[in-house]
Amino acid sequence: MGKKYNWAILGCGKIARKFAKDLSLLSNANLFAAASRSIENARAFAKEFGFEKAYGSYQEMVEDAQVDIVYIATPHAKHMEHGLLCLNHKKAVLCEKAFAMNTKEVDQLIKASKENNTFLMEALWTMFSAKFNKVLELSKDKELGALKFVKSDFMFKADYDPDKRLYNIDLGAGSLLDIGIYPIFRSLKLLGKPDTIKTMANIRPTGVEDSISILFGYKNGAMAVLTSSFESTCKNETELCFEHGFIKFIREPEYPIFIEKNGIQDEVYVVQPKGLGYELEAAHVMECLDKGLIESPILPLSFSRDLMTTLDDVRQDAKIVFPKHD
């Protein structure tokens, strides 16, 4: 094991709570500082999860020389601002997805990482999931033949409130950047960047998209149908259709991966993580820092950029606009 790292959390909301709980499972992670726009929120968060310090401003936190790594858990619309703040103070950054609002902002983050020689990674925990990596392994079985079709959904029913993060356009609202990013991520990992993109979106009068269906087309004839929604409830399955079989799975680790090959069906289980899975990406960040790296070899910045350019292309086709960023 390498050194013990002092972690800070920037933004003490719902996702930060899940991450902090998982971070406490790692023996080389020290829960050091919690930072919020409100000192009361920061103190309550720090007390609940056992952080040593609480800060009522992000600037104060990044000026703390003892902070090694910052997990950014604010809304997407603030990721570039907060990422640059941390990188310019030489703090390693694990930034929650979506990495930023568009490719232009991602490029600024990457540039700052390189100029400051400071680690930067997008917090796409699925990349480190044993279940998803098992799916990637199974998908390479030559007996299945070529992958021809990917279908992936992520939906849940949310109450409409234009002041809350999911529906506030100034905070990067909409299902695409919040949860649609996962089906797109899976398709990129399995089929690569698409050659053509077609979309159909439901856009509220406020300009916020709450449901979107996306069709990816590839020159080799493969296709992907991807859907995200705040208006629907479903099993949130992913199905991979090959020439001679299929693989079907849902994201929760306790459920098996279903596979059929040449008419023979099987179920594959993988070891469940100790936490929700966020601890795996945090552990990887510290492994990278132990090696003196400024980006991950597993989740390189080039992949995060490809993901964002694809999201930009989807938004362009669907006519989804963020006025303060586009």
C-alpha atoms as a PDB file:
ATOM      1  CA  MET A   1       0.000   0.000   0.000  1.00  0.00           C
ATOM      2  CA  GLY A   2       1.169   3.529  -0.786  1.00  0.00           C
ATOM      3  CA  LYS A   3       0.863   6.647   1.332  1.00  0.00           C
ATOM      4  CA  LYS A   4      -2.312   7.754   3.067  1.00  0.00           C
ATOM      5  CA  TYR A   5      -4.070  10.585   1.245  1.00  0.00           C
ATOM      6  CA  ASN A   6      -6.107  13.440   2.669  1.00  0.00           C
ATOM      7  CA  TRP A   7      -9.406  13.643   0.794  1.00  0.00           C
ATOM      8  CA  ALA A   8     -11.662  16.669   0.599  1.00  0.00           C
ATOM      9  CA  ILE A   9     -15.219  16.720  -0.703  1.00  0.00           C
ATOM     10  CA  LEU A  10     -16.353  19.839  -2.555  1.00  0.00           C
ATOM     11  CA  GLY A  11     -20.133  20.033  -2.398  1.00  0.00           C
ATOM     12  CA  CYS A  12     -22.008  18.167   0.326  1.00  0.00           C
ATOM     13  CA  GLY A  13     -25.088  16.909  -1.502  1.00  0.00           C
ATOM     14  CA  LYS A  14     -26.688  13.521  -2.161  1.00  0.00           C
ATOM     15  CA  ILE A  15     -23.939  11.977  -4.315  1.00  0.00           C
ATOM     16  CA  ALA A  16     -21.270  13.252  -1.913  1.00  0.00           C
ATOM     17  CA  ARG A  17     -22.932  11.331   0.908  1.00  0.00           C
ATOM     18  CA  LYS A  18     -22.747   8.069  -1.044  1.00  0.00           C
ATOM     19  CA  PHE A  19     -19.142   8.705  -1.985  1.00  0.00           C
ATOM     20  CA  ALA A  20     -18.073   9.615   1.552  1.00  0.00           C
ATOM     21  CA  LYS A  21     -19.592   6.427   2.921  1.00  0.00           C
ATOM     22  CA  ASP A  22     -17.646   4.324   0.401  1.00  0.00           C
ATOM     23  CA  LEU A  23     -14.457   6.350   0.883  1.00  0.00           C
ATOM     24  CA  SER A  24     -14.473   5.421   4.571  1.00  0.00           C
ATOM     25  CA  LEU A  25     -13.935   1.771   3.519  1.00  0.00           C
ATOM     26  CA  LEU A  26     -10.425   2.526   2.216  1.00  0.00           C
ATOM     27  CA  SER A  27      -7.593   2.310   4.731  1.00  0.00           C
ATOM     28  CA  ASN A  28      -5.318   4.666   2.757  1.00  0.00           C
ATOM     29  CA  ALA A  29      -8.004   7.365   2.447  1.00  0.00           C
ATOM     30  CA  ASN A  30      -8.195   9.923   5.248  1.00  0.00           C
ATOM     31  CA  LEU A  31     -11.526  11.754   5.441  1.00  0.00           C
ATOM     32  CA  PHE A  32      -9.956  15.154   5.903  1.00  0.00           C
ATOM     33  CA  ALA A  33     -12.148  18.056   4.796  1.00  0.00           C
ATOM     34  CA  ALA A  34     -15.730  18.802   3.773  1.00  0.00           C
ATOM     35  CA  ALA A  35     -16.445  22.037   1.918  1.00  0.00           C
ATOM     36  CA  SER A  36     -19.810  23.646   1.227  1.00  0.00           C
ATOM     37  CA  ARG A  37     -21.117  27.116   0.414  1.00  0.00           C
ATOM     38  CA  SER A  38     -22.566  26.991   3.940  1.00  0.00           C
ATOM     39  CA  ILE A  39     -20.348  26.351   6.961  1.00  0.00           C
ATOM     40  CA  GLU A  40     -23.360  24.830   8.731  1.00  0.00           C
ATOM     41  CA  ASN A  41     -23.808  22.254   5.956  1.00  0.00           C
ATOM     42  CA  ALA A  42     -20.090  21.517   5.885  1.00  0.00           C
ATOM     43  CA  ARG A  43     -19.960  20.998   9.658  1.00  0.00           C
ATOM     44  CA  ALA A  44     -23.008  18.725   9.633  1.00  0.00           C
ATOM     45  CA  PHE A  45     -21.544  16.667   6.772  1.00  0.00           C
ATOM     46  CA  ALA A  46     -18.123  16.470   8.448  1.00  0.00           C
ATOM     47  CA  LYS A  47     -19.671  15.350  11.727  1.00  0.00           C
ATOM     48  CA  GLU A  48     -21.839  12.691  10.082  1.00  0.00           C
ATOM     49  CA  PHE A  49     -18.997  11.056   8.147  1.00  0.00           C
ATOM     50  CA  GLY A  50     -16.040  11.814  10.406  1.00  0.00           C
ATOM     51  CA  PHE A  51     -14.136  14.410   8.397  1.00  0.00           C
ATOM     52  CA  GLU A  52     -11.516  16.315  10.378  1.00  0.00           C
ATOM     53  CA  LYS A  53     -12.256  19.776   8.988  1.00  0.00           C
ATOM     54  CA  ALA A  54     -15.194  21.743   7.613  1.00  0.00           C
ATOM     55  CA  TYR A  55     -14.996  24.744   5.313  1.00  0.00           C
ATOM     56  CA  GLY A  56     -17.722  27.242   4.446  1.00  0.00           C
ATOM     57  CA  SER A  57     -16.017  28.204   1.185  1.00  0.00           C
ATOM     58  CA  TYR A  58     -14.320  26.230  -1.565  1.00  0.00           C
ATOM     59  CA  GLN A  59     -11.499  28.780  -1.753  1.00  0.00           C
ATOM     60  CA  GLU A  60     -10.567  28.175   1.887  1.00  0.00           C
ATOM     61  CA  MET A  61     -10.497  24.439   1.310  1.00  0.00           C
ATOM     62  CA  VAL A  62      -8.146  24.526  -1.700  1.00  0.00           C
ATOM     63  CA  GLU A  63      -5.802  26.829   0.221  1.00  0.00           C
ATOM     64  CA  ASP A  64      -5.344  24.107   2.846  1.00  0.00           C
ATOM     65  CA  ALA A  65      -1.903  22.698   2.069  1.00  0.00           C
ATOM     66  CA  GLN A  66      -2.793  19.362   3.695  1.00  0.00           C
ATOM     67  CA  VAL A  67      -5.522  18.514   1.152  1.00  0.00           C
ATOM     68  CA  ASP A  68      -4.241  15.962  -1.400  1.00  0.00           C
ATOM     69  CA  ILE A  69      -7.318  14.982  -3.432  1.00  0.00           C
ATOM     70  CA  VAL A  70     -10.641  16.719  -4.027  1.00  0.00           C
ATOM     71  CA  TYR A  71     -13.814  14.910  -5.041  1.00  0.00           C
ATOM     72  CA  ILE A  72     -16.049  17.425  -6.830  1.00  0.00           C
ATOM     73  CA  ALA A  73     -19.729  16.696  -6.209  1.00  0.00           C
ATOM     74  CA  THR A  74     -21.413  19.916  -7.321  1.00  0.00           C
ATOM     75  CA  PRO A  75     -23.874  20.136 -10.290  1.00  0.00           C
ATOM     76  CA  HIS A  76     -22.404  19.696 -13.801  1.00  0.00           C
ATOM     77  CA  ALA A  77     -22.706  23.418 -14.536  1.00  0.00           C
ATOM     78  CA  LYS A  78     -20.110  24.150 -11.839  1.00  0.00           C
ATOM     79  CA  HIS A  79     -17.633  21.377 -12.670  1.00  0.00           C
ATOM     80  CA  MET A  80     -15.311  23.445 -14.845  1.00  0.00           C
ATOM     81  CA  GLU A  81     -15.195  26.332 -12.361  1.00  0.00           C
ATOM     82  CA  HIS A  82     -14.540  24.074  -9.384  1.00  0.00           C
ATOM     83  CA  GLY A  83     -12.184  21.794 -11.293  1.00  0.00           C
ATOM     84  CA  LEU A  84     -10.024  24.718 -12.381  1.00  0.00           C
ATOM     85  CA  LEU A  85     -10.010  26.077  -8.825  1.00  0.00           C
ATOM     86  CA  CYS A  86      -8.638  22.780  -7.497  1.00  0.00           C
ATOM     87  CA  LEU A  87      -6.180  22.092 -10.332  1.00  0.00           C
ATOM     88  CA  ASN A  88      -4.743  25.607 -10.151  1.00  0.00           C
ATOM     89  CA  HIS A  89      -4.050  24.958  -6.462  1.00  0.00           C
ATOM     90  CA  LYS A  90      -2.328  21.661  -7.362  1.00  0.00           C
ATOM     91  CA  LYS A  91      -5.020  19.457  -5.843  1.00  0.00           C
ATOM     92  CA  ALA A  92      -5.641  16.102  -7.514  1.00  0.00           C
ATOM     93  CA  VAL A  93      -9.229  16.026  -8.846  1.00  0.00           C
ATOM     94  CA  LEU A  94     -11.845  13.304  -9.115  1.00  0.00           C
ATOM     95  CA  CYS A  95     -14.781  15.121 -10.733  1.00  0.00           C
ATOM     96  CA  GLU A  96     -18.276  13.687 -10.783  1.00  0.00           C
ATOM     97  CA  LYS A  97     -19.868  13.037 -14.169  1.00  0.00           C
ATOM     98  CA  ALA A  98     -20.811  14.685 -16.425  1.00  0.00           C
ATOM     99  CA  PHE A  99     -17.239  15.989 -16.522  1.00  0.00           C
ATOM    100  CA  ALA A 100     -18.444  19.447 -17.611  1.00  0.00           C
ATOM    101  CA  MET A 101     -21.155  21.009 -19.777  1.00  0.00           C
ATOM    102  CA  ASN A 102     -19.457  20.659 -23.162  1.00  0.00           C
ATOM    103  CA  THR A 103     -16.204  19.761 -24.894  1.00  0.00           C
ATOM    104  CA  LYS A 104     -14.902  23.327 -24.683  1.00  0.00           C
ATOM    105  CA  GLU A 105     -15.086  23.162 -20.878  1.00  0.00           C
ATOM    106  CA  VAL A 106     -13.545  19.669 -20.767  1.00  0.00           C
ATOM    107  CA  ASP A 107     -10.636  20.948 -22.842  1.00  0.00           C
ATOM    108  CA  GLN A 108     -10.029  23.708 -20.299  1.00  0.00           C
ATOM    109  CA  LEU A 109      -9.907  21.161 -17.484  1.00  0.00           C
ATOM    110  CA  ILE A 110      -7.488  18.927 -19.401  1.00  0.00           C
ATOM    111  CA  LYS A 111      -5.295  21.932 -20.225  1.00  0.00           C
ATOM    112  CA  ALA A 112      -5.176  22.965 -16.550  1.00  0.00           C
ATOM    113  CA  SER A 113      -4.296  19.413 -15.497  1.00  0.00           C
ATOM    114  CA  LYS A 114      -1.339  19.334 -17.860  1.00  0.00           C
ATOM    115  CA  GLU A 115      -0.144  22.863 -17.080  1.00  0.00           C
ATOM    116  CA  ASN A 116      -0.226  22.162 -13.336  1.00  0.00           C
ATOM    117  CA  ASN A 117       1.064  18.587 -13.713  1.00  0.00           C
ATOM    118  CA  THR A 118      -1.859  17.564 -11.498  1.00  0.00           C
ATOM    119  CA  PHE A 119      -4.058  14.471 -11.604  1.00  0.00           C
ATOM    120  CA  LEU A 120      -7.531  14.690 -13.132  1.00  0.00           C
ATOM    121  CA  MET A 121     -10.172  11.989 -13.702  1.00  0.00           C
ATOM    122  CA  GLU A 122     -13.898  11.867 -14.334  1.00  0.00           C
ATOM    123  CA  ALA A 123     -15.832   9.931 -11.692  1.00  0.00           C
ATOM    124  CA  LEU A 124     -17.389   7.281 -13.948  1.00  0.00           C
ATOM    125  CA  TRP A 125     -17.538   4.543 -11.342  1.00  0.00           C
ATOM    126  CA  THR A 126     -18.954   2.038 -13.844  1.00  0.00           C
ATOM    127  CA  MET A 127     -15.537   1.834 -15.508  1.00  0.00           C
ATOM    128  CA  PHE A 128     -14.258   0.155 -12.334  1.00  0.00           C
ATOM    129  CA  SER A 129     -17.283  -2.080 -11.765  1.00  0.00           C
ATOM    130  CA  ALA A 130     -16.401  -5.787 -11.677  1.00  0.00           C
ATOM    131  CA  LYS A 131     -19.769  -6.527 -13.251  1.00  0.00           C
ATOM    132  CA  PHE A 132     -19.318  -4.201 -16.213  1.00  0.00           C
ATOM    133  CA  ASN A 133     -15.758  -5.376 -16.763  1.00  0.00           C
ATOM    134  CA  LYS A 134     -17.027  -8.966 -16.764  1.00  0.00           C
ATOM    135  CA  VAL A 135     -19.543  -7.946 -19.430  1.00  0.00           C
ATOM    136  CA  LEU A 136     -16.695  -6.481 -21.509  1.00  0.00           C
ATOM    137  CA  GLU A 137     -14.775  -9.742 -21.111  1.00  0.00           C
ATOM    138  CA  LEU A 138     -17.777 -11.898 -22.053  1.00  0.00           C
ATOM    139  CA  SER A 139     -18.537  -9.710 -25.085  1.00  0.00           C
ATOM    140  CA  LYS A 140     -15.181 -10.643 -26.624  1.00  0.00           C
ATOM    141  CA  ASP A 141     -16.056 -14.356 -26.829  1.00  0.00           C
ATOM    142  CA  LYS A 142     -15.575 -15.242 -30.500  1.00  0.00           C
ATOM    143  CA  GLU A 143     -18.371 -17.825 -30.357  1.00  0.00           C
ATOM    144  CA  LEU A 144     -20.876 -14.987 -29.902  1.00  0.00           C
ATOM    145  CA  GLY A 145     -19.805 -13.456 -33.188  1.00  0.00           C
ATOM    146  CA  ALA A 146     -19.902  -9.746 -33.947  1.00  0.00           C
ATOM    147  CA  LEU A 147     -21.806  -7.334 -31.699  1.00  0.00           C
ATOM    148  CA  LYS A 148     -24.614  -5.947 -33.855  1.00  0.00           C
ATOM    149  CA  PHE A 149     -26.974  -4.150 -31.479  1.00  0.00           C
ATOM    150  CA  VAL A 150     -26.838  -2.428 -28.088  1.00  0.00           C
ATOM    151  CA  LYS A 151     -29.986  -1.452 -26.193  1.00  0.00           C
ATOM    152  CA  SER A 152     -29.494   0.402 -22.908  1.00  0.00           C
ATOM    153  CA  ASP A 153     -31.905   2.371 -20.695  1.00  0.00           C
ATOM    154  CA  PHE A 154     -31.715   4.455 -17.541  1.00  0.00           C
ATOM    155  CA  MET A 155     -34.953   5.909 -16.206  1.00  0.00           C
ATOM    156  CA  PHE A 156     -36.632   6.915 -12.985  1.00  0.00           C
ATOM    157  CA  LYS A 157     -39.670   9.020 -12.098  1.00  0.00           C
ATOM    158  CA  ALA A 158     -38.778  12.407 -10.655  1.00  0.00           C
ATOM    159  CA  ASP A 159     -41.050  15.195  -9.431  1.00  0.00           C
ATOM    160  CA  TYR A 160     -40.974  18.221 -11.709  1.00  0.00           C
ATOM    161  CA  ASP A 161     -39.446  21.203  -9.911  1.00  0.00           C
ATOM    162  CA  PRO A 162     -37.725  23.858 -12.078  1.00  0.00           C
ATOM    163  CA  ASP A 163     -35.779  25.096  -9.042  1.00  0.00           C
ATOM    164  CA  LYS A 164     -34.144  21.725  -8.290  1.00  0.00           C
ATOM    165  CA  ARG A 165     -31.022  20.344  -9.955  1.00  0.00           C
ATOM    166  CA  LEU A 166     -32.732  17.815 -12.248  1.00  0.00           C
ATOM    167  CA  TYR A 167     -34.916  20.493 -13.870  1.00  0.00           C
ATOM    168  CA  ASN A 168     -32.955  23.738 -13.374  1.00  0.00           C
ATOM    169  CA  ILE A 169     -31.420  24.565 -16.749  1.00  0.00           C
ATOM    170  CA  ASP A 170     -28.805  26.831 -15.153  1.00  0.00           C
ATOM    171  CA  LEU A 171     -27.455  23.795 -13.247  1.00  0.00           C
ATOM    172  CA  GLY A 172     -27.153  21.617 -16.370  1.00  0.00           C
ATOM    173  CA  ALA A 173     -30.545  19.972 -15.965  1.00  0.00           C
ATOM    174  CA  GLY A 174     -32.033  17.168 -18.007  1.00  0.00           C
ATOM    175  CA  SER A 175     -31.845  13.401 -18.087  1.00  0.00           C
ATOM    176  CA  LEU A 176     -29.105  13.278 -20.768  1.00  0.00           C
ATOM    177  CA  LEU A 177     -26.199  14.619 -18.715  1.00  0.00           C
ATOM    178  CA  ASP A 178     -27.486  13.173 -15.452  1.00  0.00           C
ATOM    179  CA  ILE A 179     -28.306   9.563 -16.383  1.00  0.00           C
ATOM    180  CA  GLY A 180     -28.285   9.306 -20.189  1.00  0.00           C
ATOM    181  CA  ILE A 181     -24.524   9.494 -19.932  1.00  0.00           C
ATOM    182  CA  TYR A 182     -24.480   5.872 -18.676  1.00  0.00           C
ATOM    183  CA  PRO A 183     -26.122   4.208 -21.711  1.00  0.00           C
ATOM    184  CA  ILE A 184     -23.916   6.360 -23.971  1.00  0.00           C
ATOM    185  CA  PHE A 185     -20.842   5.339 -21.970  1.00  0.00           C
ATOM    186  CA  ARG A 186     -21.704   1.659 -22.402  1.00  0.00           C
ATOM    187  CA  SER A 187     -22.203   2.049 -26.137  1.00  0.00           C
ATOM    188  CA  LEU A 188     -18.892   3.895 -26.544  1.00  0.00           C
ATOM    189  CA  LYS A 189     -17.032   1.176 -24.648  1.00  0.00           C
ATOM    190  CA  LEU A 190     -18.652  -1.600 -26.666  1.00  0.00           C
ATOM    191  CA  LEU A 191     -19.014  -0.112 -30.151  1.00  0.00           C
ATOM    192  CA  GLY A 192     -16.904   3.048 -30.165  1.00  0.00           C
ATOM    193  CA  LYS A 193     -17.961   6.509 -31.356  1.00  0.00           C
ATOM    194  CA  PRO A 194     -20.974   6.412 -33.676  1.00  0.00           C
ATOM    195  CA  ASP A 195     -20.897   7.509 -37.318  1.00  0.00           C
ATOM    196  CA  THR A 196     -24.469   8.829 -37.251  1.00  0.00           C
ATOM    197  CA  ILE A 197     -26.739  10.082 -34.455  1.00  0.00           C
ATOM    198  CA  LYS A 198     -30.507  10.532 -34.466  1.00  0.00           C
ATOM    199  CA  THR A 199     -32.563  11.631 -31.457  1.00  0.00           C
ATOM    200  CA  MET A 200     -36.062  12.297 -30.202  1.00  0.00           C
ATOM    201  CA  ALA A 201     -36.424  14.347 -27.023  1.00  0.00           C
ATOM    202  CA  ASN A 202     -39.217  15.689 -24.852  1.00  0.00           C
ATOM    203  CA  ILE A 203     -38.276  19.261 -24.000  1.00  0.00           C
ATOM    204  CA  ARG A 204     -40.158  21.279 -21.379  1.00  0.00           C
ATOM    205  CA  PRO A 205     -41.163  24.933 -22.021  1.00  0.00           C
ATOM    206  CA  THR A 206     -38.202  25.925 -19.793  1.00  0.00           C
ATOM    207  CA  GLY A 207     -35.809  24.304 -22.301  1.00  0.00           C
ATOM    208  CA  VAL A 208     -35.052  21.298 -20.096  1.00  0.00           C
ATOM    209  CA  GLU A 209     -35.092  17.832 -21.689  1.00  0.00           C
ATOM    210  CA  ASP A 210     -36.662  15.259 -19.405  1.00  0.00           C
ATOM    211  CA  SER A 211     -36.687  12.240 -21.732  1.00  0.00           C
ATOM    212  CA  ILE A 212     -34.589  11.328 -24.742  1.00  0.00           C
ATOM    213  CA  SER A 213     -34.191   8.373 -27.086  1.00  0.00           C
ATOM    214  CA  ILE A 214     -30.990   8.138 -29.098  1.00  0.00           C
ATOM    215  CA  LEU A 215     -30.080   6.025 -32.120  1.00  0.00           C
ATOM    216  CA  PHE A 216     -26.407   5.453 -32.933  1.00  0.00           C
ATOM    217  CA  GLY A 217     -25.445   4.095 -36.330  1.00  0.00           C
ATOM    218  CA  TYR A 218     -22.113   2.565 -37.349  1.00  0.00           C
ATOM    219  CA  LYS A 219     -20.602   2.042 -40.782  1.00  0.00           C
ATOM    220  CA  ASN A 220     -20.215  -1.691 -40.061  1.00  0.00           C
ATOM    221  CA  GLY A 221     -24.001  -1.988 -39.684  1.00  0.00           C
ATOM    222  CA  ALA A 222     -24.099  -2.069 -35.873  1.00  0.00           C
ATOM    223  CA  MET A 223     -26.637   0.081 -34.027  1.00  0.00           C
ATOM    224  CA  ALA A 224     -27.401   1.262 -30.503  1.00  0.00           C
ATOM    225  CA  VAL A 225     -30.736   2.407 -29.060  1.00  0.00           C
ATOM    226  CA  LEU A 226     -30.255   4.373 -25.855  1.00  0.00           C
ATOM    227  CA  THR A 227     -32.879   5.990 -23.628  1.00  0.00           C
ATOM    228  CA  SER A 228     -32.944   8.135 -20.495  1.00  0.00           C
ATOM    229  CA  SER A 229     -35.912   9.676 -18.710  1.00  0.00           C
ATOM    230  CA  PHE A 230     -37.098  11.394 -15.542  1.00  0.00           C
ATOM    231  CA  GLU A 231     -40.670  10.600 -16.580  1.00  0.00           C
ATOM    232  CA  SER A 232     -40.631   6.796 -16.712  1.00  0.00           C
ATOM    233  CA  THR A 233     -39.847   3.754 -14.614  1.00  0.00           C
ATOM    234  CA  CYS A 234     -38.280   0.602 -16.077  1.00  0.00           C
ATOM    235  CA  LYS A 235     -35.829  -2.217 -15.244  1.00  0.00           C
ATOM    236  CA  ASN A 236     -32.881  -0.202 -16.608  1.00  0.00           C
ATOM    237  CA  GLU A 237     -31.481  -3.105 -18.573  1.00  0.00           C
ATOM    238  CA  THR A 238     -28.697  -3.289 -21.100  1.00  0.00           C
ATOM    239  CA  GLU A 239     -28.885  -5.924 -23.823  1.00  0.00           C
ATOM    240  CA  LEU A 240     -26.061  -6.753 -26.226  1.00  0.00           C
ATOM    241  CA  CYS A 241     -27.153  -8.661 -29.314  1.00  0.00           C
ATOM    242  CA  PHE A 242     -24.515 -10.644 -31.201  1.00  0.00           C
ATOM    243  CA  GLU A 243     -24.685 -12.782 -34.311  1.00  0.00           C
ATOM    244  CA  HIS A 244     -24.986 -15.994 -32.258  1.00  0.00           C
ATOM    245  CA  GLY A 245     -26.323 -14.934 -28.881  1.00  0.00           C
ATOM    246  CA  PHE A 246     -26.923 -12.131 -26.410  1.00  0.00           C
ATOM    247  CA  ILE A 247     -25.821 -10.722 -23.056  1.00  0.00           C
ATOM    248  CA  LYS A 248     -28.332  -8.998 -20.764  1.00  0.00           C
ATOM    249  CA  PHE A 249     -27.680  -7.273 -17.443  1.00  0.00           C
ATOM    250  CA  ILE A 250     -28.821  -4.552 -15.063  1.00  0.00           C
ATOM    251  CA  ARG A 251     -26.352  -2.343 -13.230  1.00  0.00           C
ATOM    252  CA  GLU A 252     -26.977  -3.552  -9.670  1.00  0.00           C
ATOM    253  CA  PRO A 253     -24.142  -5.931  -8.718  1.00  0.00           C
ATOM    254  CA  GLU A 254     -26.281  -8.502  -6.872  1.00  0.00           C
ATOM    255  CA  TYR A 255     -28.072  -9.591 -10.055  1.00  0.00           C
ATOM    256  CA  PRO A 256     -26.453 -12.017 -12.500  1.00  0.00           C
ATOM    257  CA  ILE A 257     -25.380 -11.388 -16.066  1.00  0.00           C
ATOM    258  CA  PHE A 258     -27.555 -13.445 -18.425  1.00  0.00           C
ATOM    259  CA  ILE A 259     -25.807 -14.864 -21.452  1.00  0.00           C
ATOM    260  CA  GLU A 260     -27.022 -17.038 -24.304  1.00  0.00           C
ATOM    261  CA  LYS A 261     -24.535 -18.470 -26.794  1.00  0.00           C
ATOM    262  CA  ASN A 262     -25.522 -20.784 -29.634  1.00  0.00           C
ATOM    263  CA  GLY A 263     -28.849 -21.464 -27.902  1.00  0.00           C
ATOM    264  CA  ILE A 264     -27.312 -22.349 -24.517  1.00  0.00           C
ATOM    265  CA  GLN A 265     -28.182 -20.078 -21.591  1.00  0.00           C
ATOM    266  CA  ASP A 266     -26.086 -19.333 -18.522  1.00  0.00           C
ATOM    267  CA  GLU A 267     -25.947 -16.941 -15.567  1.00  0.00           C
ATOM    268  CA  VAL A 268     -22.698 -15.309 -14.473  1.00  0.00           C
ATOM    269  CA  TYR A 269     -22.296 -13.754 -11.031  1.00  0.00           C
ATOM    270  CA  VAL A 270     -19.488 -11.431  -9.976  1.00  0.00           C
ATOM    271  CA  VAL A 271     -18.161 -10.520  -6.532  1.00  0.00           C
ATOM    272  CA  GLN A 272     -20.126  -7.646  -5.026  1.00  0.00           C
ATOM    273  CA  PRO A 273     -18.182  -4.562  -3.920  1.00  0.00           C
ATOM    274  CA  LYS A 274     -17.941  -3.753  -0.225  1.00  0.00           C
ATOM    275  CA  GLY A 275     -19.717  -0.460  -0.829  1.00  0.00           C
ATOM    276  CA  LEU A 276     -21.749   0.982  -3.670  1.00  0.00           C
ATOM    277  CA  GLY A 277     -18.761   0.882  -6.013  1.00  0.00           C
ATOM    278  CA  TYR A 278     -17.505   4.440  -5.533  1.00  0.00           C
ATOM    279  CA  GLU A 279     -14.656   3.150  -3.387  1.00  0.00           C
ATOM    280  CA  LEU A 280     -13.208   1.410  -6.451  1.00  0.00           C
ATOM    281  CA  GLU A 281     -12.693   4.636  -8.399  1.00  0.00           C
ATOM    282  CA  ALA A 282     -11.284   6.351  -5.287  1.00  0.00           C
ATOM    283  CA  ALA A 283      -8.820   3.497  -4.751  1.00  0.00           C
ATOM    284  CA  HIS A 284      -7.739   3.775  -8.387  1.00  0.00           C
ATOM    285  CA  VAL A 285      -7.045   7.507  -8.016  1.00  0.00           C
ATOM    286  CA  MET A 286      -4.694   6.801  -5.118  1.00  0.00           C
ATOM    287  CA  GLU A 287      -2.978   4.006  -7.081  1.00  0.00           C
ATOM    288  CA  CYS A 288      -2.357   6.488  -9.889  1.00  0.00           C
ATOM    289  CA  LEU A 289      -0.943   9.057  -7.455  1.00  0.00           C
ATOM    290  CA  ASP A 290       1.313   6.390  -5.935  1.00  0.00           C
ATOM    291  CA  LYS A 291       2.743   5.941  -9.448  1.00  0.00           C
ATOM    292  CA  GLY A 292       3.135   9.658 -10.092  1.00  0.00           C
ATOM    293  CA  LEU A 293       0.494   9.705 -12.854  1.00  0.00           C
ATOM    294  CA  ILE A 294      -1.620  12.735 -13.774  1.00  0.00           C
ATOM    295  CA  GLU A 295      -4.284  10.723 -15.605  1.00  0.00           C
ATOM    296  CA  SER A 296      -5.742   7.249 -15.390  1.00  0.00           C
ATOM    297  CA  PRO A 297      -4.658   4.510 -17.791  1.00  0.00           C
ATOM    298  CA  ILE A 298      -8.070   2.850 -17.252  1.00  0.00           C
ATOM    299  CA  LEU A 299     -10.201   5.983 -17.699  1.00  0.00           C
ATOM    300  CA  PRO A 300      -7.963   8.334 -19.706  1.00  0.00           C
ATOM    301  CA  LEU A 301      -8.900  11.936 -20.355  1.00  0.00           C
ATOM    302  CA  SER A 302      -9.174  11.136 -24.067  1.00  0.00           C
ATOM    303  CA  PHE A 303     -12.119   8.818 -23.321  1.00  0.00           C
ATOM    304  CA  SER A 304     -13.852  11.441 -21.191  1.00  0.00           C
ATOM    305  CA  ARG A 305     -13.373  13.917 -24.046  1.00  0.00           C
ATOM    306  CA  ASP A 306     -14.840  11.435 -26.561  1.00  0.00           C
ATOM    307  CA  LEU A 307     -17.800  10.933 -24.232  1.00  0.00           C
ATOM    308  CA  MET A 308     -18.396  14.668 -24.007  1.00  0.00           C
ATOM    309  CA  THR A 309     -18.073  15.262 -27.766  1.00  0.00           C
ATOM    310  CA  THR A 310     -20.671  12.517 -28.252  1.00  0.00           C
ATOM    311  CA  LEU A 311     -22.973  14.175 -25.701  1.00  0.00           C
ATOM    312  CA  ASP A 312     -22.481  17.472 -27.571  1.00  0.00           C
ATOM    313  CA  ASP A 313     -23.452  15.789 -30.847  1.00  0.00           C
ATOM    314  CA  VAL A 314     -26.546  14.272 -29.216  1.00  0.00           C
ATOM    315  CA  ARG A 315     -27.558  17.677 -27.833  1.00  0.00           C
ATOM    316  CA  GLN A 316     -27.064  19.305 -31.216  1.00  0.00           C
ATOM    317  CA  ASP A 317     -29.351  16.812 -32.943  1.00  0.00           C
ATOM    318  CA  ALA A 318     -31.957  17.073 -30.170  1.00  0.00           C
ATOM    319  CA  LYS A 319     -31.666  20.892 -30.033  1.00  0.00           C
ATOM    320  CA  ILE A 320     -30.867  20.863 -26.306  1.00  0.00           C
ATOM    321  CA  VAL A 321     -29.238  24.183 -25.372  1.00  0.00           C
ATOM    322  CA  PHE A 322     -27.692  25.463 -22.143  1.00  0.00           C
ATOM    323  CA  PRO A 323     -27.793  29.259 -22.638  1.00  0.00           C
ATOM    324  CA  LYS A 324     -25.084  30.069 -20.063  1.00  0.00           C
ATOM    325  CA  HIS A 325     -22.621  27.557 -21.520  1.00  0.00           C
ATOM    326  CA  ASP A 326     -23.265  27.055 -25.260  1.00  0.00           C
END
